[in-house]
Amino acid sequence: MLKLAAAIAALLLPAHAAAQVPLQADAYPKIIPSPGGHVVIPVPGAQRAYDDYKYAPARRAGDVLYISGVIAGPAGADGRDVEAFKAQVRNAFRHIQRTLQAEGLTFADVAMINTFHVWDGPGFRGSRDDQFRAFSAVKDEFMSAPHPAWTAVGATGLLAGDGVVEIQMIAHVPKR
């Protein structure tokens, strides 16, 4: 079971998924038709997760795009301080940005964010306030007003053992 969790975690950490498999510009993003919409697979690592672990990185239903959680946190010898965490969060937001772009969307189209924070875990050295301020500062680099709805929840752990925060988003797909 630990092996499975480690494999899934490697796929969910955007910086590492992108580093393991080179992006093929002609193959991704990939769209798979589904009832009422389609599945969006933005990068090869997400394809492996879809095939091996049976979850969609993003799924459009009508005029809504649901983006599965993307985990930000250290891997291996990565830093666990505030600045390292900010870099990890930026990588997660870039991964989400690629998913949005696959649908012709931007962060301005995001209506809802759900974040799941491990406030006291091995992936971050600092206080709850330090973590939240660092996360918020990076979020603000990608998202400006008008701000989306946001629910931030404390968790005891994430699938990636050193994961600090998992970010899930819901976006509105405007009619063109």
C-alpha atoms as a PDB file:
ATOM      1  CA  MET A   1       0.000   0.000   0.000  1.00  0.00           C
ATOM      2  CA  LEU A   2       2.878   2.360   0.790  1.00  0.00           C
ATOM      3  CA  LYS A   3       4.298   1.703  -2.683  1.00  0.00           C
ATOM      4  CA  LEU A   4       0.986   2.658  -4.283  1.00  0.00           C
ATOM      5  CA  ALA A   5       0.756   5.855  -2.208  1.00  0.00           C
ATOM      6  CA  ALA A   6       4.313   6.808  -3.148  1.00  0.00           C
ATOM      7  CA  ALA A   7       3.610   6.214  -6.841  1.00  0.00           C
ATOM      8  CA  ILE A   8       0.440   8.309  -6.771  1.00  0.00           C
ATOM      9  CA  ALA A   9       2.178  11.026  -4.774  1.00  0.00           C
ATOM     10  CA  ALA A  10       4.949  11.236  -7.368  1.00  0.00           C
ATOM     11  CA  LEU A  11       2.319  11.786 -10.021  1.00  0.00           C
ATOM     12  CA  LEU A  12       0.503  14.442  -8.018  1.00  0.00           C
ATOM     13  CA  LEU A  13       3.570  16.555  -7.287  1.00  0.00           C
ATOM     14  CA  PRO A  14       3.681  18.690 -10.420  1.00  0.00           C
ATOM     15  CA  ALA A  15       7.381  19.522 -10.423  1.00  0.00           C
ATOM     16  CA  HIS A  16       8.348  15.878 -10.218  1.00  0.00           C
ATOM     17  CA  ALA A  17       5.746  14.578 -12.652  1.00  0.00           C
ATOM     18  CA  ALA A  18       6.917  17.069 -15.253  1.00  0.00           C
ATOM     19  CA  ALA A  19      10.568  16.236 -14.620  1.00  0.00           C
ATOM     20  CA  GLN A  20      10.089  12.478 -15.049  1.00  0.00           C
ATOM     21  CA  VAL A  21       8.430  12.522 -18.472  1.00  0.00           C
ATOM     22  CA  PRO A  22       9.210  15.122 -21.146  1.00  0.00           C
ATOM     23  CA  LEU A  23       6.216  17.075 -22.362  1.00  0.00           C
ATOM     24  CA  GLN A  24       5.294  16.215 -25.946  1.00  0.00           C
ATOM     25  CA  ALA A  25       3.818  19.359 -27.467  1.00  0.00           C
ATOM     26  CA  ASP A  26       1.917  17.429 -30.138  1.00  0.00           C
ATOM     27  CA  ALA A  27       0.281  14.980 -27.723  1.00  0.00           C
ATOM     28  CA  TYR A  28      -0.910  17.132 -24.815  1.00  0.00           C
ATOM     29  CA  PRO A  29      -3.245  18.403 -23.608  1.00  0.00           C
ATOM     30  CA  LYS A  30      -5.401  15.375 -24.292  1.00  0.00           C
ATOM     31  CA  ILE A  31      -9.209  15.501 -24.276  1.00  0.00           C
ATOM     32  CA  ILE A  32     -11.287  12.348 -23.637  1.00  0.00           C
ATOM     33  CA  PRO A  33     -15.046  12.611 -24.293  1.00  0.00           C
ATOM     34  CA  SER A  34     -17.293  11.825 -21.323  1.00  0.00           C
ATOM     35  CA  PRO A  35     -21.021  12.177 -20.621  1.00  0.00           C
ATOM     36  CA  GLY A  36     -21.897  15.875 -20.530  1.00  0.00           C
ATOM     37  CA  GLY A  37     -18.351  17.018 -21.254  1.00  0.00           C
ATOM     38  CA  HIS A  38     -14.846  15.600 -21.285  1.00  0.00           C
ATOM     39  CA  VAL A  39     -11.743  14.724 -19.282  1.00  0.00           C
ATOM     40  CA  VAL A  40      -8.693  17.005 -19.596  1.00  0.00           C
ATOM     41  CA  ILE A  41      -5.231  15.475 -19.329  1.00  0.00           C
ATOM     42  CA  PRO A  42      -2.743  18.370 -19.471  1.00  0.00           C
ATOM     43  CA  VAL A  43       0.630  16.561 -19.250  1.00  0.00           C
ATOM     44  CA  PRO A  44       2.089  13.024 -19.587  1.00  0.00           C
ATOM     45  CA  GLY A  45       2.363  12.488 -15.808  1.00  0.00           C
ATOM     46  CA  ALA A  46      -1.349  13.156 -15.512  1.00  0.00           C
ATOM     47  CA  GLN A  47      -1.954  10.559 -18.246  1.00  0.00           C
ATOM     48  CA  ARG A  48      -0.144   7.944 -16.141  1.00  0.00           C
ATOM     49  CA  ALA A  49      -2.296   8.829 -13.137  1.00  0.00           C
ATOM     50  CA  TYR A  50      -5.451   8.580 -15.271  1.00  0.00           C
ATOM     51  CA  ASP A  51      -4.437   5.192 -16.693  1.00  0.00           C
ATOM     52  CA  ASP A  52      -2.931   3.619 -13.575  1.00  0.00           C
ATOM     53  CA  TYR A  53      -5.031   5.068 -10.756  1.00  0.00           C
ATOM     54  CA  LYS A  54      -8.288   5.838 -12.557  1.00  0.00           C
ATOM     55  CA  TYR A  55      -8.873   9.489 -11.736  1.00  0.00           C
ATOM     56  CA  ALA A  56      -9.251  12.483 -14.025  1.00  0.00           C
ATOM     57  CA  PRO A  57      -6.835  15.371 -13.493  1.00  0.00           C
ATOM     58  CA  ALA A  58      -9.736  17.602 -14.603  1.00  0.00           C
ATOM     59  CA  ARG A  59     -13.224  16.959 -15.863  1.00  0.00           C
ATOM     60  CA  ARG A  60     -15.535  19.330 -17.625  1.00  0.00           C
ATOM     61  CA  ALA A  61     -19.278  18.918 -17.118  1.00  0.00           C
ATOM     62  CA  GLY A  62     -21.326  21.459 -19.041  1.00  0.00           C
ATOM     63  CA  ASP A  63     -19.921  24.892 -18.308  1.00  0.00           C
ATOM     64  CA  VAL A  64     -17.930  23.838 -15.218  1.00  0.00           C
ATOM     65  CA  LEU A  65     -14.359  22.512 -15.053  1.00  0.00           C
ATOM     66  CA  TYR A  66     -13.487  20.495 -11.940  1.00  0.00           C
ATOM     67  CA  ILE A  67      -9.731  20.298 -11.291  1.00  0.00           C
ATOM     68  CA  SER A  68      -8.521  17.471  -9.049  1.00  0.00           C
ATOM     69  CA  GLY A  69      -6.270  18.293  -6.131  1.00  0.00           C
ATOM     70  CA  VAL A  70      -2.637  19.145  -6.838  1.00  0.00           C
ATOM     71  CA  ILE A  71      -0.250  18.641  -3.933  1.00  0.00           C
ATOM     72  CA  ALA A  72       2.474  21.125  -3.035  1.00  0.00           C
ATOM     73  CA  GLY A  73       5.266  20.012  -0.758  1.00  0.00           C
ATOM     74  CA  PRO A  74       8.854  18.822  -0.703  1.00  0.00           C
ATOM     75  CA  ALA A  75      10.206  15.638  -2.201  1.00  0.00           C
ATOM     76  CA  GLY A  76      13.386  14.032  -0.964  1.00  0.00           C
ATOM     77  CA  ALA A  77      15.949  16.658   0.026  1.00  0.00           C
ATOM     78  CA  ASP A  78      13.808  19.645  -1.030  1.00  0.00           C
ATOM     79  CA  GLY A  79      13.686  22.483   1.476  1.00  0.00           C
ATOM     80  CA  ARG A  80      10.979  22.729   4.101  1.00  0.00           C
ATOM     81  CA  ASP A  81      11.332  26.438   4.891  1.00  0.00           C
ATOM     82  CA  VAL A  82       9.048  29.282   3.776  1.00  0.00           C
ATOM     83  CA  GLU A  83      10.948  30.107   0.570  1.00  0.00           C
ATOM     84  CA  ALA A  84      11.149  26.453  -0.519  1.00  0.00           C
ATOM     85  CA  PHE A  85       7.433  26.079   0.203  1.00  0.00           C
ATOM     86  CA  LYS A  86       6.649  29.118  -1.940  1.00  0.00           C
ATOM     87  CA  ALA A  87       8.545  27.512  -4.847  1.00  0.00           C
ATOM     88  CA  GLN A  88       6.588  24.266  -4.344  1.00  0.00           C
ATOM     89  CA  VAL A  89       3.283  26.168  -4.330  1.00  0.00           C
ATOM     90  CA  ARG A  90       4.320  28.027  -7.523  1.00  0.00           C
ATOM     91  CA  ASN A  91       4.944  24.664  -9.200  1.00  0.00           C
ATOM     92  CA  ALA A  92       1.480  23.487  -8.165  1.00  0.00           C
ATOM     93  CA  PHE A  93      -0.134  26.674  -9.495  1.00  0.00           C
ATOM     94  CA  ARG A  94       1.763  26.305 -12.791  1.00  0.00           C
ATOM     95  CA  HIS A  95       0.406  22.766 -13.087  1.00  0.00           C
ATOM     96  CA  ILE A  96      -3.131  24.041 -12.481  1.00  0.00           C
ATOM     97  CA  GLN A  97      -2.485  26.856 -14.975  1.00  0.00           C
ATOM     98  CA  ARG A  98      -1.623  24.280 -17.684  1.00  0.00           C
ATOM     99  CA  THR A  99      -4.902  22.508 -16.962  1.00  0.00           C
ATOM    100  CA  LEU A 100      -6.867  25.765 -17.211  1.00  0.00           C
ATOM    101  CA  GLN A 101      -5.067  26.708 -20.445  1.00  0.00           C
ATOM    102  CA  ALA A 102      -6.013  23.352 -21.966  1.00  0.00           C
ATOM    103  CA  GLU A 103      -9.616  24.582 -21.764  1.00  0.00           C
ATOM    104  CA  GLY A 104      -8.799  28.129 -22.890  1.00  0.00           C
ATOM    105  CA  LEU A 105      -9.246  29.411 -19.328  1.00  0.00           C
ATOM    106  CA  THR A 106      -7.241  31.511 -16.888  1.00  0.00           C
ATOM    107  CA  PHE A 107      -7.267  31.852 -13.117  1.00  0.00           C
ATOM    108  CA  ALA A 108      -9.836  34.639 -13.592  1.00  0.00           C
ATOM    109  CA  ASP A 109     -12.328  31.881 -14.523  1.00  0.00           C
ATOM    110  CA  VAL A 110     -11.838  30.054 -11.208  1.00  0.00           C
ATOM    111  CA  ALA A 111     -14.962  30.371  -9.062  1.00  0.00           C
ATOM    112  CA  MET A 112     -13.927  28.149  -6.127  1.00  0.00           C
ATOM    113  CA  ILE A 113     -10.737  27.010  -4.426  1.00  0.00           C
ATOM    114  CA  ASN A 114     -10.584  24.263  -1.823  1.00  0.00           C
ATOM    115  CA  THR A 115      -7.279  23.850  -0.023  1.00  0.00           C
ATOM    116  CA  PHE A 116      -6.352  21.128   2.426  1.00  0.00           C
ATOM    117  CA  HIS A 117      -3.464  22.144   4.706  1.00  0.00           C
ATOM    118  CA  VAL A 118      -1.259  19.968   6.888  1.00  0.00           C
ATOM    119  CA  TRP A 119      -0.438  22.609   9.478  1.00  0.00           C
ATOM    120  CA  ASP A 120       1.809  20.450  11.604  1.00  0.00           C
ATOM    121  CA  GLY A 121       3.579  17.901   9.421  1.00  0.00           C
ATOM    122  CA  PRO A 122       7.030  16.899   8.199  1.00  0.00           C
ATOM    123  CA  GLY A 123       6.814  18.881   4.948  1.00  0.00           C
ATOM    124  CA  PHE A 124       6.981  22.396   6.408  1.00  0.00           C
ATOM    125  CA  ARG A 125       9.045  23.962   9.158  1.00  0.00           C
ATOM    126  CA  GLY A 126       7.195  26.973  10.446  1.00  0.00           C
ATOM    127  CA  SER A 127       3.950  28.007  12.040  1.00  0.00           C
ATOM    128  CA  ARG A 128       0.456  27.691  10.685  1.00  0.00           C
ATOM    129  CA  ASP A 129       0.439  31.460  10.093  1.00  0.00           C
ATOM    130  CA  ASP A 130       3.776  31.286   8.236  1.00  0.00           C
ATOM    131  CA  GLN A 131       2.414  28.569   5.962  1.00  0.00           C
ATOM    132  CA  PHE A 132      -0.854  30.340   5.249  1.00  0.00           C
ATOM    133  CA  ARG A 133       0.853  33.689   4.567  1.00  0.00           C
ATOM    134  CA  ALA A 134       3.329  32.001   2.183  1.00  0.00           C
ATOM    135  CA  PHE A 135       0.526  30.135   0.384  1.00  0.00           C
ATOM    136  CA  SER A 136      -1.597  33.282   0.116  1.00  0.00           C
ATOM    137  CA  ALA A 137       1.314  35.330  -1.236  1.00  0.00           C
ATOM    138  CA  VAL A 138       1.907  32.817  -4.046  1.00  0.00           C
ATOM    139  CA  LYS A 139      -1.819  32.487  -4.761  1.00  0.00           C
ATOM    140  CA  ASP A 140      -1.910  36.262  -5.189  1.00  0.00           C
ATOM    141  CA  GLU A 141       0.891  36.034  -7.797  1.00  0.00           C
ATOM    142  CA  PHE A 142      -1.486  33.967  -9.960  1.00  0.00           C
ATOM    143  CA  MET A 143      -4.938  35.221  -8.951  1.00  0.00           C
ATOM    144  CA  SER A 144      -6.162  38.783  -8.586  1.00  0.00           C
ATOM    145  CA  ALA A 145      -9.514  40.379  -7.736  1.00  0.00           C
ATOM    146  CA  PRO A 146     -12.310  39.626  -8.032  1.00  0.00           C
ATOM    147  CA  HIS A 147     -11.322  36.746  -5.793  1.00  0.00           C
ATOM    148  CA  PRO A 148     -12.907  33.287  -6.000  1.00  0.00           C
ATOM    149  CA  ALA A 149     -14.740  31.639  -3.131  1.00  0.00           C
ATOM    150  CA  TRP A 150     -12.240  29.744  -0.976  1.00  0.00           C
ATOM    151  CA  THR A 151     -12.454  27.084   1.701  1.00  0.00           C
ATOM    152  CA  ALA A 152      -9.245  26.226   3.583  1.00  0.00           C
ATOM    153  CA  VAL A 153      -9.360  23.087   5.697  1.00  0.00           C
ATOM    154  CA  GLY A 154      -6.835  21.607   8.104  1.00  0.00           C
ATOM    155  CA  ALA A 155      -5.881  17.976   7.502  1.00  0.00           C
ATOM    156  CA  THR A 156      -3.706  15.479   9.333  1.00  0.00           C
ATOM    157  CA  GLY A 157      -2.068  14.233   6.136  1.00  0.00           C
ATOM    158  CA  LEU A 158      -2.167  14.006   2.357  1.00  0.00           C
ATOM    159  CA  LEU A 159      -1.486  11.140  -0.038  1.00  0.00           C
ATOM    160  CA  ALA A 160       2.043  12.481  -0.583  1.00  0.00           C
ATOM    161  CA  GLY A 161       3.588  11.870   2.855  1.00  0.00           C
ATOM    162  CA  ASP A 162       5.415  15.222   2.971  1.00  0.00           C
ATOM    163  CA  GLY A 163       2.618  17.099   1.203  1.00  0.00           C
ATOM    164  CA  VAL A 164       1.838  20.423   2.826  1.00  0.00           C
ATOM    165  CA  VAL A 165      -1.231  21.565   0.908  1.00  0.00           C
ATOM    166  CA  GLU A 166      -3.530  20.085  -1.720  1.00  0.00           C
ATOM    167  CA  ILE A 167      -5.197  22.585  -4.048  1.00  0.00           C
ATOM    168  CA  GLN A 168      -8.482  21.829  -5.821  1.00  0.00           C
ATOM    169  CA  MET A 169     -10.283  24.304  -8.083  1.00  0.00           C
ATOM    170  CA  ILE A 170     -13.599  24.692  -9.854  1.00  0.00           C
ATOM    171  CA  ALA A 171     -13.761  27.011 -12.863  1.00  0.00           C
ATOM    172  CA  HIS A 172     -16.590  28.433 -14.913  1.00  0.00           C
ATOM    173  CA  VAL A 173     -16.240  27.899 -18.647  1.00  0.00           C
ATOM    174  CA  PRO A 174     -17.769  30.978 -20.254  1.00  0.00           C
ATOM    175  CA  LYS A 175     -19.803  30.587 -23.423  1.00  0.00           C
ATOM    176  CA  ARG A 176     -17.833  31.823 -26.414  1.00  0.00           C
END
